[in-house]
Each structure stands twice: as structure tokens, then as C-alpha cells.
Amino acid sequence: MEFKHYSVMLQECMDGLNIKPDGIYVDGTAGGAGHSTEIAKRLTTGRLYSFDRDPDAVQVATERLSVYSCAQVIHSNFSNMQEELIQRGITQVDGVLLDLGVSSFQLDHAERGFSYLNDGELDMRMSKTGLSAKDLVNTYPLEEIARIIRDYGEDKYYYSIAKNIVKHREIAPIETTSQLSEIVNNSMPMKARREKNPSKRTFQAIRIAVNQELECLSTGLAKAFDLLNPGGRLVIITFHSLEDRIVKQFYTEMCKGCTCPPDFPICVCGNHPKAKFINKKPILPAKEELEQNRRSQSAKLRILEKL
């Protein structure tokens, strides 16, 4: 199986994890195993557990990591990492990496239905199971579709798009990515249609809803942090403002100290920082990387260390 996936900010992630050869590490988003391979190369007596919900990614990652006895691939969402690791006798780890969003493989294969640039069945399921994008656009009520596009796509034309989706499905089911893309484009004024990728926000919104990405992220962050040993690192790459906001707020909360009003003479809350920022501002891809992979352009890397 040809599974192409550019490993975003690869060296920066390895530096961020601060890998110990005998440590235990988690790659919560194995994909094509690019990051996982680099982690495994740096381990001697340590262990690597790589997670992915996509069965195609699991197959490829298993093949590519088979040469490393320290690595194990687990077919599960990273939001289940704590339960899965406890089943394997692991209660603490030294680093967790999450490379969020959709992979190049998923985008480039039309049959997965993620891309508005390639015509294919409207699917978008990372796990290939459960509710699909086709199910969502053909069965959800108008107000819920509008909310999804507004909240997850941040598209100001959300209601017009939702209304036209419902109008079209009453004539015939919406079954392909090109059908949905055409509906979205025709729901916008001419000026907006001339902008680059007018369907991008709606496709992002529906994909997030189908895969429950933000819910999984919030759950996964808490479990990842709970798993970390003192000095362990949480290294996360985000690709859009919604997931980056969740990560940034979680990091800030973990680094927060005393919450007493400033006029209190002594601290009574007893709150102490649970972590420290390794980089307060996000690390962005270098110019050379952007030239090699345009999909890196929206990436932000944030690193946290547990105290």
C-alpha cells in the first residue's frame, strides 16, 4: 500500500520529546510512521507505542516499524491511550506526540472522501466505521448542519450552505465530494467563490464532526498528561485554530500557579503549576520545510513538560 505522509517538523518534534534511549514513548497519530520511526531509532531498551484509528495507517505503520523490536502499533484512537497502555502493563510514559488533523494519504486518496479537490464518495471517516459525511449531510437537520459549519468551519456563509445542502438532498441524496463542493461554492457570493478553496471550511467542519476530533482531543490531552512521568514531554502539532485553541488552553491551565485574588496576603488556594512551557510561542515550520511541503504552512508545534 502506498502511504505517503510528510512528517511535519520532524527534527523539532524529536528535540521537543527530549528522547531518552530507555524511555517509554507514545505516538498518538502513527500515520505513515515517519515520526514513530525516528523515535524508534533513538531507543535502545525503551519502548514505543504508536496509535492510529485508521486501519490503513495501522497496516502501513506495522510494516514500517517491524524492524524495530521496541515498537508496537495499536489500532485505536489516541483518546483511548491510557486504557490501552494499562492493559499492556504501562502506567507512565516519558513523552507523547500528537500530529493532529488529516494525513496526506487520506487527502490524496479520493475514495476516502476527505478532499474537495478529488471526486470520490463522501466518506471522511478516519476509522472507516460509523457515521460518514454522506450520512451527516443527508440526515442531520438544517440547524445542526448550520451549527457544525459555523462552529467547526468558522464560515460566515454557514446558514446559506446548510440551507442549500438540505434543499439539494430533498431532490436527490448528496453522495460525492464534488456534489458537496459544488453546493458549497454556489452558496457563496461571487467574490467569495473567487477566493482560494471556498469549500475548505465546510469540508473541515464536516470532517471534524464525523470523527469527533475536538472531543477526542480534549479527552486525549487529559489522558496523555496523566500518563506522563515528571519531566515527561507532551509534543503537539496543530493545523487549525480550533484544535490549537484547545491545546493552548490546556497547556496554560497546566502551567497555572496560584489563583488567589492579588490582594490576598497569602495563598489559600494551594494551587501549584503542574507543568512548564518549553516554548511559550508555537514553533512554526522552517522556510525550507514550507518549500518541500505546502501542507505544513498552517502547522504549529507546542511543547509542555510535566513537573
C-alpha atoms as a PDB file:
ATOM      1  CA  MET A   1       0.000   0.000   0.000  1.00  0.00           C
ATOM      2  CA  GLU A   2       1.443   3.369  -0.987  1.00  0.00           C
ATOM      3  CA  PHE A   3       1.095   5.608   2.067  1.00  0.00           C
ATOM      4  CA  LYS A   4       2.782   8.951   1.548  1.00  0.00           C
ATOM      5  CA  HIS A   5       2.840  11.283   4.507  1.00  0.00           C
ATOM      6  CA  TYR A   6       5.302  14.107   5.106  1.00  0.00           C
ATOM      7  CA  SER A   7       6.367  14.155   8.752  1.00  0.00           C
ATOM      8  CA  VAL A   8       5.832  17.773   9.767  1.00  0.00           C
ATOM      9  CA  MET A   9       8.610  19.443  11.808  1.00  0.00           C
ATOM     10  CA  LEU A  10      10.291  16.080  12.297  1.00  0.00           C
ATOM     11  CA  GLN A  11      13.506  17.289  13.934  1.00  0.00           C
ATOM     12  CA  GLU A  12      11.681  19.838  16.052  1.00  0.00           C
ATOM     13  CA  CYS A  13       9.416  17.065  17.378  1.00  0.00           C
ATOM     14  CA  MET A  14      12.365  14.835  18.230  1.00  0.00           C
ATOM     15  CA  ASP A  15      14.086  17.709  20.025  1.00  0.00           C
ATOM     16  CA  GLY A  16      10.840  18.505  21.824  1.00  0.00           C
ATOM     17  CA  LEU A  17      10.394  14.941  23.086  1.00  0.00           C
ATOM     18  CA  ASN A  18      13.920  15.003  24.536  1.00  0.00           C
ATOM     19  CA  ILE A  19      14.126  11.247  23.985  1.00  0.00           C
ATOM     20  CA  LYS A  20      15.901   9.001  26.475  1.00  0.00           C
ATOM     21  CA  PRO A  21      17.128   5.700  24.974  1.00  0.00           C
ATOM     22  CA  ASP A  22      15.489   3.730  27.811  1.00  0.00           C
ATOM     23  CA  GLY A  23      12.274   5.772  27.928  1.00  0.00           C
ATOM     24  CA  ILE A  24       8.694   4.875  27.036  1.00  0.00           C
ATOM     25  CA  TYR A  25       7.045   6.967  24.313  1.00  0.00           C
ATOM     26  CA  VAL A  26       3.676   7.274  22.619  1.00  0.00           C
ATOM     27  CA  ASP A  27       2.998   8.438  19.080  1.00  0.00           C
ATOM     28  CA  GLY A  28      -0.737   9.001  19.218  1.00  0.00           C
ATOM     29  CA  THR A  29      -1.071   9.546  15.466  1.00  0.00           C
ATOM     30  CA  ALA A  30       1.128   6.997  13.703  1.00  0.00           C
ATOM     31  CA  GLY A  31       0.047   7.749  10.120  1.00  0.00           C
ATOM     32  CA  GLY A  32       2.834   6.663   7.801  1.00  0.00           C
ATOM     33  CA  ALA A  33       5.142   6.073  10.803  1.00  0.00           C
ATOM     34  CA  GLY A  34       7.506   8.945   9.971  1.00  0.00           C
ATOM     35  CA  HIS A  35       7.650  10.354  13.490  1.00  0.00           C
ATOM     36  CA  SER A  36       7.397   6.864  15.009  1.00  0.00           C
ATOM     37  CA  THR A  37      10.390   5.626  13.012  1.00  0.00           C
ATOM     38  CA  GLU A  38      12.553   8.499  14.225  1.00  0.00           C
ATOM     39  CA  ILE A  39      11.528   7.846  17.833  1.00  0.00           C
ATOM     40  CA  ALA A  40      12.237   4.103  17.483  1.00  0.00           C
ATOM     41  CA  LYS A  41      15.708   4.813  16.041  1.00  0.00           C
ATOM     42  CA  ARG A  42      16.620   6.666  19.213  1.00  0.00           C
ATOM     43  CA  LEU A  43      15.582   3.898  21.628  1.00  0.00           C
ATOM     44  CA  THR A  44      17.747   1.068  22.998  1.00  0.00           C
ATOM     45  CA  THR A  45      15.932  -0.571  25.914  1.00  0.00           C
ATOM     46  CA  GLY A  46      12.980   1.818  25.676  1.00  0.00           C
ATOM     47  CA  ARG A  47       9.524   1.212  24.190  1.00  0.00           C
ATOM     48  CA  LEU A  48       7.347   2.940  21.622  1.00  0.00           C
ATOM     49  CA  TYR A  49       3.561   2.581  21.364  1.00  0.00           C
ATOM     50  CA  SER A  50       2.077   4.023  18.166  1.00  0.00           C
ATOM     51  CA  PHE A  51      -1.665   4.561  17.879  1.00  0.00           C
ATOM     52  CA  ASP A  52      -3.926   5.187  14.906  1.00  0.00           C
ATOM     53  CA  ARG A  53      -7.652   4.788  14.324  1.00  0.00           C
ATOM     54  CA  ASP A  54      -7.209   4.389  10.547  1.00  0.00           C
ATOM     55  CA  PRO A  55      -6.817   0.695   9.617  1.00  0.00           C
ATOM     56  CA  ASP A  56      -4.797   1.637   6.519  1.00  0.00           C
ATOM     57  CA  ALA A  57      -2.344   3.595   8.664  1.00  0.00           C
ATOM     58  CA  VAL A  58      -2.123   0.747  11.170  1.00  0.00           C
ATOM     59  CA  GLN A  59      -1.213  -1.698   8.397  1.00  0.00           C
ATOM     60  CA  VAL A  60       1.473   0.567   6.954  1.00  0.00           C
ATOM     61  CA  ALA A  61       2.906   1.610  10.329  1.00  0.00           C
ATOM     62  CA  THR A  62       3.085  -2.026  11.434  1.00  0.00           C
ATOM     63  CA  GLU A  63       5.055  -2.910   8.284  1.00  0.00           C
ATOM     64  CA  ARG A  64       7.418   0.052   8.545  1.00  0.00           C
ATOM     65  CA  LEU A  65       8.085  -0.403  12.256  1.00  0.00           C
ATOM     66  CA  SER A  66       8.504  -4.188  12.065  1.00  0.00           C
ATOM     67  CA  VAL A  67      12.299  -3.804  12.012  1.00  0.00           C
ATOM     68  CA  TYR A  68      12.219  -2.172  15.461  1.00  0.00           C
ATOM     69  CA  SER A  69      11.626  -4.633  18.298  1.00  0.00           C
ATOM     70  CA  CYS A  70      10.907  -1.721  20.630  1.00  0.00           C
ATOM     71  CA  ALA A  71       7.816  -0.605  18.686  1.00  0.00           C
ATOM     72  CA  GLN A  72       4.204  -1.741  18.854  1.00  0.00           C
ATOM     73  CA  VAL A  73       1.318  -0.387  16.753  1.00  0.00           C
ATOM     74  CA  ILE A  74      -2.128  -0.240  18.348  1.00  0.00           C
ATOM     75  CA  HIS A  75      -5.328   0.129  16.327  1.00  0.00           C
ATOM     76  CA  SER A  76      -7.163   2.654  18.480  1.00  0.00           C
ATOM     77  CA  ASN A  77      -7.855   6.356  18.804  1.00  0.00           C
ATOM     78  CA  PHE A  78      -5.263   8.209  20.879  1.00  0.00           C
ATOM     79  CA  SER A  79      -8.077   9.252  23.240  1.00  0.00           C
ATOM     80  CA  ASN A  80      -8.004   5.619  24.445  1.00  0.00           C
ATOM     81  CA  MET A  81      -4.241   5.555  25.043  1.00  0.00           C
ATOM     82  CA  GLN A  82      -4.395   5.297  28.826  1.00  0.00           C
ATOM     83  CA  GLU A  83      -6.738   2.314  28.853  1.00  0.00           C
ATOM     84  CA  GLU A  84      -4.816   0.575  26.065  1.00  0.00           C
ATOM     85  CA  LEU A  85      -1.455   1.054  27.784  1.00  0.00           C
ATOM     86  CA  ILE A  86      -2.719  -0.060  31.185  1.00  0.00           C
ATOM     87  CA  GLN A  87      -3.875  -3.301  29.532  1.00  0.00           C
ATOM     88  CA  ARG A  88      -0.233  -3.750  28.467  1.00  0.00           C
ATOM     89  CA  GLY A  89       1.148  -3.030  31.925  1.00  0.00           C
ATOM     90  CA  ILE A  90       2.194   0.558  31.176  1.00  0.00           C
ATOM     91  CA  THR A  91       1.067   3.236  33.638  1.00  0.00           C
ATOM     92  CA  GLN A  92       3.625   6.008  32.971  1.00  0.00           C
ATOM     93  CA  VAL A  93       5.463   7.254  29.883  1.00  0.00           C
ATOM     94  CA  ASP A  94       8.224   9.755  29.133  1.00  0.00           C
ATOM     95  CA  GLY A  95       6.705  11.504  26.142  1.00  0.00           C
ATOM     96  CA  VAL A  96       3.601  11.742  23.972  1.00  0.00           C
ATOM     97  CA  LEU A  97       3.482  13.088  20.418  1.00  0.00           C
ATOM     98  CA  LEU A  98       0.283  14.076  18.600  1.00  0.00           C
ATOM     99  CA  ASP A  99       0.361  15.176  14.958  1.00  0.00           C
ATOM    100  CA  LEU A 100      -3.264  16.235  14.603  1.00  0.00           C
ATOM    101  CA  GLY A 101      -5.506  16.607  11.562  1.00  0.00           C
ATOM    102  CA  VAL A 102      -5.857  14.616   8.371  1.00  0.00           C
ATOM    103  CA  SER A 103      -2.950  12.839   6.662  1.00  0.00           C
ATOM    104  CA  SER A 104      -1.720  13.403   3.112  1.00  0.00           C
ATOM    105  CA  PHE A 105      -2.662   9.798   2.352  1.00  0.00           C
ATOM    106  CA  GLN A 106      -6.258  10.412   3.401  1.00  0.00           C
ATOM    107  CA  LEU A 107      -6.447  13.637   1.397  1.00  0.00           C
ATOM    108  CA  ASP A 108      -4.834  12.232  -1.729  1.00  0.00           C
ATOM    109  CA  HIS A 109      -6.960   9.076  -1.988  1.00  0.00           C
ATOM    110  CA  ALA A 110     -10.289  10.112  -3.495  1.00  0.00           C
ATOM    111  CA  GLU A 111     -12.082   7.023  -2.216  1.00  0.00           C
ATOM    112  CA  ARG A 112     -11.589   8.222   1.378  1.00  0.00           C
ATOM    113  CA  GLY A 113     -13.757  11.255   0.602  1.00  0.00           C
ATOM    114  CA  PHE A 114     -11.756  13.865   2.519  1.00  0.00           C
ATOM    115  CA  SER A 115     -10.806  16.211  -0.306  1.00  0.00           C
ATOM    116  CA  TYR A 116     -12.820  18.703  -2.329  1.00  0.00           C
ATOM    117  CA  LEU A 117     -10.064  18.580  -4.953  1.00  0.00           C
ATOM    118  CA  ASN A 118     -10.699  14.941  -5.884  1.00  0.00           C
ATOM    119  CA  ASP A 119     -14.087  13.459  -6.701  1.00  0.00           C
ATOM    120  CA  GLY A 120     -14.999  10.460  -4.593  1.00  0.00           C
ATOM    121  CA  GLU A 121     -17.638   9.043  -2.297  1.00  0.00           C
ATOM    122  CA  LEU A 122     -18.457  11.437   0.542  1.00  0.00           C
ATOM    123  CA  ASP A 123     -16.963   9.490   3.442  1.00  0.00           C
ATOM    124  CA  MET A 124     -14.350  11.256   5.643  1.00  0.00           C
ATOM    125  CA  ARG A 125     -14.247   8.512   8.313  1.00  0.00           C
ATOM    126  CA  MET A 126     -10.735   8.125   9.676  1.00  0.00           C
ATOM    127  CA  SER A 127     -11.656   4.792  11.238  1.00  0.00           C
ATOM    128  CA  LYS A 128     -13.699   3.627   8.204  1.00  0.00           C
ATOM    129  CA  THR A 129     -16.535   2.834  10.631  1.00  0.00           C
ATOM    130  CA  GLY A 130     -19.578   4.622  11.997  1.00  0.00           C
ATOM    131  CA  LEU A 131     -21.282   7.768  10.745  1.00  0.00           C
ATOM    132  CA  SER A 132     -19.960   9.062   7.395  1.00  0.00           C
ATOM    133  CA  ALA A 133     -20.024  12.544   5.889  1.00  0.00           C
ATOM    134  CA  LYS A 134     -22.696  11.277   3.479  1.00  0.00           C
ATOM    135  CA  ASP A 135     -24.846  10.227   6.439  1.00  0.00           C
ATOM    136  CA  LEU A 136     -24.378  13.602   8.089  1.00  0.00           C
ATOM    137  CA  VAL A 137     -25.292  15.832   5.139  1.00  0.00           C
ATOM    138  CA  ASN A 138     -28.267  13.666   4.160  1.00  0.00           C
ATOM    139  CA  THR A 139     -29.847  13.127   7.580  1.00  0.00           C
ATOM    140  CA  TYR A 140     -28.909  15.901  10.001  1.00  0.00           C
ATOM    141  CA  PRO A 141     -31.456  18.709  10.464  1.00  0.00           C
ATOM    142  CA  LEU A 142     -30.773  22.111   8.945  1.00  0.00           C
ATOM    143  CA  GLU A 143     -29.952  23.813  12.245  1.00  0.00           C
ATOM    144  CA  GLU A 144     -27.415  21.143  13.220  1.00  0.00           C
ATOM    145  CA  ILE A 145     -25.641  21.283   9.852  1.00  0.00           C
ATOM    146  CA  ALA A 146     -25.519  25.073  10.150  1.00  0.00           C
ATOM    147  CA  ARG A 147     -24.072  24.813  13.668  1.00  0.00           C
ATOM    148  CA  ILE A 148     -21.381  22.374  12.554  1.00  0.00           C
ATOM    149  CA  ILE A 149     -20.271  24.592   9.657  1.00  0.00           C
ATOM    150  CA  ARG A 150     -20.373  27.685  11.876  1.00  0.00           C
ATOM    151  CA  ASP A 151     -18.565  26.200  14.892  1.00  0.00           C
ATOM    152  CA  TYR A 152     -16.111  23.832  13.223  1.00  0.00           C
ATOM    153  CA  GLY A 153     -15.570  25.610   9.909  1.00  0.00           C
ATOM    154  CA  GLU A 154     -15.914  29.203  11.102  1.00  0.00           C
ATOM    155  CA  ASP A 155     -17.515  30.020   7.747  1.00  0.00           C
ATOM    156  CA  LYS A 156     -19.638  33.180   7.714  1.00  0.00           C
ATOM    157  CA  TYR A 157     -21.854  31.702   4.980  1.00  0.00           C
ATOM    158  CA  TYR A 158     -22.744  28.723   7.185  1.00  0.00           C
ATOM    159  CA  TYR A 159     -26.510  29.148   7.073  1.00  0.00           C
ATOM    160  CA  SER A 160     -26.678  29.613   3.323  1.00  0.00           C
ATOM    161  CA  ILE A 161     -24.535  26.490   2.830  1.00  0.00           C
ATOM    162  CA  ALA A 162     -26.652  24.429   5.228  1.00  0.00           C
ATOM    163  CA  LYS A 163     -29.867  25.599   3.600  1.00  0.00           C
ATOM    164  CA  ASN A 164     -28.640  24.603   0.147  1.00  0.00           C
ATOM    165  CA  ILE A 165     -27.452  21.208   1.399  1.00  0.00           C
ATOM    166  CA  VAL A 166     -30.963  20.486   2.704  1.00  0.00           C
ATOM    167  CA  LYS A 167     -32.543  21.830  -0.491  1.00  0.00           C
ATOM    168  CA  HIS A 168     -30.404  19.584  -2.711  1.00  0.00           C
ATOM    169  CA  ARG A 169     -30.851  16.432  -0.649  1.00  0.00           C
ATOM    170  CA  GLU A 170     -34.631  16.777  -0.952  1.00  0.00           C
ATOM    171  CA  ILE A 171     -34.199  16.284  -4.702  1.00  0.00           C
ATOM    172  CA  ALA A 172     -31.564  13.540  -4.519  1.00  0.00           C
ATOM    173  CA  PRO A 173     -29.031  12.294  -1.948  1.00  0.00           C
ATOM    174  CA  ILE A 174     -25.668  14.062  -1.833  1.00  0.00           C
ATOM    175  CA  GLU A 175     -23.183  11.235  -2.366  1.00  0.00           C
ATOM    176  CA  THR A 176     -19.875  12.616  -3.653  1.00  0.00           C
ATOM    177  CA  THR A 177     -17.286  15.197  -2.688  1.00  0.00           C
ATOM    178  CA  SER A 178     -17.757  17.078  -5.967  1.00  0.00           C
ATOM    179  CA  GLN A 179     -21.507  17.360  -5.358  1.00  0.00           C
ATOM    180  CA  LEU A 180     -20.956  18.827  -1.901  1.00  0.00           C
ATOM    181  CA  SER A 181     -18.218  21.153  -3.154  1.00  0.00           C
ATOM    182  CA  GLU A 182     -20.488  22.487  -5.888  1.00  0.00           C
ATOM    183  CA  ILE A 183     -23.293  23.125  -3.394  1.00  0.00           C
ATOM    184  CA  VAL A 184     -20.910  24.983  -1.075  1.00  0.00           C
ATOM    185  CA  ASN A 185     -19.477  27.119  -3.871  1.00  0.00           C
ATOM    186  CA  ASN A 186     -22.931  28.008  -5.182  1.00  0.00           C
ATOM    187  CA  SER A 187     -23.989  29.072  -1.676  1.00  0.00           C
ATOM    188  CA  MET A 188     -21.473  31.894  -1.624  1.00  0.00           C
ATOM    189  CA  PRO A 189     -21.399  35.307  -3.315  1.00  0.00           C
ATOM    190  CA  MET A 190     -19.243  35.580  -6.415  1.00  0.00           C
ATOM    191  CA  LYS A 191     -16.439  37.379  -4.588  1.00  0.00           C
ATOM    192  CA  ALA A 192     -16.095  34.534  -2.089  1.00  0.00           C
ATOM    193  CA  ARG A 193     -16.124  31.946  -4.892  1.00  0.00           C
ATOM    194  CA  ARG A 194     -13.044  33.576  -6.395  1.00  0.00           C
ATOM    195  CA  GLU A 195     -11.130  33.078  -3.160  1.00  0.00           C
ATOM    196  CA  LYS A 196      -8.822  30.092  -2.836  1.00  0.00           C
ATOM    197  CA  ASN A 197     -10.555  26.841  -1.821  1.00  0.00           C
ATOM    198  CA  PRO A 198     -14.076  28.117  -0.982  1.00  0.00           C
ATOM    199  CA  SER A 199     -15.049  24.578   0.138  1.00  0.00           C
ATOM    200  CA  LYS A 200     -12.183  24.210   2.601  1.00  0.00           C
ATOM    201  CA  ARG A 201     -14.029  25.385   5.726  1.00  0.00           C
ATOM    202  CA  THR A 202     -17.151  23.278   5.166  1.00  0.00           C
ATOM    203  CA  PHE A 203     -15.140  20.119   4.432  1.00  0.00           C
ATOM    204  CA  GLN A 204     -13.058  20.738   7.562  1.00  0.00           C
ATOM    205  CA  ALA A 205     -16.198  21.240   9.650  1.00  0.00           C
ATOM    206  CA  ILE A 206     -17.902  18.064   8.459  1.00  0.00           C
ATOM    207  CA  ARG A 207     -14.714  16.032   8.874  1.00  0.00           C
ATOM    208  CA  ILE A 208     -14.301  17.266  12.459  1.00  0.00           C
ATOM    209  CA  ALA A 209     -17.916  16.389  13.260  1.00  0.00           C
ATOM    210  CA  VAL A 210     -17.772  12.943  11.635  1.00  0.00           C
ATOM    211  CA  ASN A 211     -14.619  11.985  13.523  1.00  0.00           C
ATOM    212  CA  GLN A 212     -15.449  13.821  16.762  1.00  0.00           C
ATOM    213  CA  GLU A 213     -11.971  15.289  16.578  1.00  0.00           C
ATOM    214  CA  LEU A 214     -12.296  18.022  19.176  1.00  0.00           C
ATOM    215  CA  GLU A 215     -13.906  15.737  21.753  1.00  0.00           C
ATOM    216  CA  CYS A 216     -11.171  13.146  21.189  1.00  0.00           C
ATOM    217  CA  LEU A 217      -8.508  15.835  21.535  1.00  0.00           C
ATOM    218  CA  SER A 218      -9.835  17.131  24.863  1.00  0.00           C
ATOM    219  CA  THR A 219     -10.049  13.592  26.246  1.00  0.00           C
ATOM    220  CA  GLY A 220      -6.657  12.619  24.821  1.00  0.00           C
ATOM    221  CA  LEU A 221      -4.872  15.643  26.291  1.00  0.00           C
ATOM    222  CA  ALA A 222      -6.009  14.833  29.816  1.00  0.00           C
ATOM    223  CA  LYS A 223      -5.073  11.164  29.492  1.00  0.00           C
ATOM    224  CA  ALA A 224      -1.699  11.917  27.907  1.00  0.00           C
ATOM    225  CA  PHE A 225      -0.773  14.347  30.652  1.00  0.00           C
ATOM    226  CA  ASP A 226      -1.892  11.912  33.352  1.00  0.00           C
ATOM    227  CA  LEU A 227       0.364   9.242  31.839  1.00  0.00           C
ATOM    228  CA  LEU A 228       3.487  11.416  31.816  1.00  0.00           C
ATOM    229  CA  ASN A 229       6.298  10.882  34.287  1.00  0.00           C
ATOM    230  CA  PRO A 230       7.714  14.027  35.921  1.00  0.00           C
ATOM    231  CA  GLY A 231       9.953  15.574  33.271  1.00  0.00           C
ATOM    232  CA  GLY A 232       7.932  13.900  30.509  1.00  0.00           C
ATOM    233  CA  ARG A 233       7.019  15.930  27.442  1.00  0.00           C
ATOM    234  CA  LEU A 234       3.739  16.484  25.598  1.00  0.00           C
ATOM    235  CA  VAL A 235       4.505  17.490  21.986  1.00  0.00           C
ATOM    236  CA  ILE A 236       1.579  18.504  19.778  1.00  0.00           C
ATOM    237  CA  ILE A 237       1.265  19.739  16.187  1.00  0.00           C
ATOM    238  CA  THR A 238      -1.984  21.517  15.330  1.00  0.00           C
ATOM    239  CA  PHE A 239      -3.251  22.643  11.926  1.00  0.00           C
ATOM    240  CA  HIS A 240      -6.243  24.878  12.563  1.00  0.00           C
ATOM    241  CA  SER A 241      -7.350  27.412  15.153  1.00  0.00           C
ATOM    242  CA  LEU A 242      -9.955  25.224  16.857  1.00  0.00           C
ATOM    243  CA  GLU A 243      -7.589  22.431  17.876  1.00  0.00           C
ATOM    244  CA  ASP A 244      -4.750  24.884  18.574  1.00  0.00           C
ATOM    245  CA  ARG A 245      -7.008  26.829  20.953  1.00  0.00           C
ATOM    246  CA  ILE A 246      -7.845  23.640  22.879  1.00  0.00           C
ATOM    247  CA  VAL A 247      -4.156  22.699  23.169  1.00  0.00           C
ATOM    248  CA  LYS A 248      -3.082  26.215  24.150  1.00  0.00           C
ATOM    249  CA  GLN A 249      -5.799  26.485  26.834  1.00  0.00           C
ATOM    250  CA  PHE A 250      -4.924  23.053  28.242  1.00  0.00           C
ATOM    251  CA  TYR A 251      -1.217  23.925  28.412  1.00  0.00           C
ATOM    252  CA  THR A 252      -1.991  27.256  30.094  1.00  0.00           C
ATOM    253  CA  GLU A 253      -4.198  25.555  32.683  1.00  0.00           C
ATOM    254  CA  MET A 254      -1.487  23.008  33.493  1.00  0.00           C
ATOM    255  CA  CYS A 255       1.093  25.785  33.947  1.00  0.00           C
ATOM    256  CA  LYS A 256      -1.148  27.955  36.126  1.00  0.00           C
ATOM    257  CA  GLY A 257       0.015  28.608  39.675  1.00  0.00           C
ATOM    258  CA  CYS A 258      -1.799  30.437  42.459  1.00  0.00           C
ATOM    259  CA  THR A 259      -5.308  31.579  41.522  1.00  0.00           C
ATOM    260  CA  CYS A 260      -5.975  33.677  44.631  1.00  0.00           C
ATOM    261  CA  PRO A 261      -7.018  37.335  44.157  1.00  0.00           C
ATOM    262  CA  PRO A 262      -3.933  39.593  44.016  1.00  0.00           C
ATOM    263  CA  ASP A 263      -4.934  41.428  47.216  1.00  0.00           C
ATOM    264  CA  PHE A 264      -4.746  38.236  49.306  1.00  0.00           C
ATOM    265  CA  PRO A 265      -1.716  38.450  51.639  1.00  0.00           C
ATOM    266  CA  ILE A 266      -1.022  34.708  51.386  1.00  0.00           C
ATOM    267  CA  CYS A 267      -2.052  31.907  49.064  1.00  0.00           C
ATOM    268  CA  VAL A 268      -5.069  29.943  50.255  1.00  0.00           C
ATOM    269  CA  CYS A 269      -5.904  28.071  47.050  1.00  0.00           C
ATOM    270  CA  GLY A 270      -2.872  25.777  47.286  1.00  0.00           C
ATOM    271  CA  ASN A 271      -2.648  25.572  43.510  1.00  0.00           C
ATOM    272  CA  HIS A 272       0.792  24.909  42.035  1.00  0.00           C
ATOM    273  CA  PRO A 273       1.869  24.624  38.392  1.00  0.00           C
ATOM    274  CA  LYS A 274       1.698  21.051  37.164  1.00  0.00           C
ATOM    275  CA  ALA A 275       3.847  21.735  34.098  1.00  0.00           C
ATOM    276  CA  LYS A 276       6.043  24.284  32.382  1.00  0.00           C
ATOM    277  CA  PHE A 277       6.118  25.611  28.836  1.00  0.00           C
ATOM    278  CA  ILE A 278       9.123  24.569  26.777  1.00  0.00           C
ATOM    279  CA  ASN A 279       8.048  27.115  24.160  1.00  0.00           C
ATOM    280  CA  LYS A 280       5.508  29.794  25.106  1.00  0.00           C
ATOM    281  CA  LYS A 281       5.047  30.760  21.469  1.00  0.00           C
ATOM    282  CA  PRO A 282       4.347  28.000  18.935  1.00  0.00           C
ATOM    283  CA  ILE A 283       7.201  26.716  16.796  1.00  0.00           C
ATOM    284  CA  LEU A 284       6.465  27.178  13.083  1.00  0.00           C
ATOM    285  CA  PRO A 285       7.872  25.237  10.120  1.00  0.00           C
ATOM    286  CA  ALA A 286      11.153  26.495   8.701  1.00  0.00           C
ATOM    287  CA  LYS A 287      11.259  28.099   5.265  1.00  0.00           C
ATOM    288  CA  GLU A 288      12.949  25.011   3.804  1.00  0.00           C
ATOM    289  CA  GLU A 289      10.171  22.757   5.059  1.00  0.00           C
ATOM    290  CA  LEU A 290       7.474  25.019   3.654  1.00  0.00           C
ATOM    291  CA  GLU A 291       9.161  24.816   0.261  1.00  0.00           C
ATOM    292  CA  GLN A 292       9.066  20.998   0.410  1.00  0.00           C
ATOM    293  CA  ASN A 293       5.551  20.611   1.811  1.00  0.00           C
ATOM    294  CA  ARG A 294       2.938  23.340   1.406  1.00  0.00           C
ATOM    295  CA  ARG A 295       0.593  21.484   3.793  1.00  0.00           C
ATOM    296  CA  SER A 296       2.956  22.411   6.625  1.00  0.00           C
ATOM    297  CA  GLN A 297       2.091  26.080   6.301  1.00  0.00           C
ATOM    298  CA  SER A 298      -0.618  26.131   8.988  1.00  0.00           C
ATOM    299  CA  ALA A 299       1.245  23.854  11.434  1.00  0.00           C
ATOM    300  CA  LYS A 300       2.034  24.979  14.974  1.00  0.00           C
ATOM    301  CA  LEU A 301       4.134  22.979  17.429  1.00  0.00           C
ATOM    302  CA  ARG A 302       3.634  23.345  21.197  1.00  0.00           C
ATOM    303  CA  ILE A 303       5.717  21.568  23.856  1.00  0.00           C
ATOM    304  CA  LEU A 304       4.916  21.075  27.544  1.00  0.00           C
ATOM    305  CA  GLU A 305       6.938  19.415  30.299  1.00  0.00           C
ATOM    306  CA  LYS A 306       5.319  17.860  33.357  1.00  0.00           C
ATOM    307  CA  LEU A 307       6.763  18.980  36.685  1.00  0.00           C
END
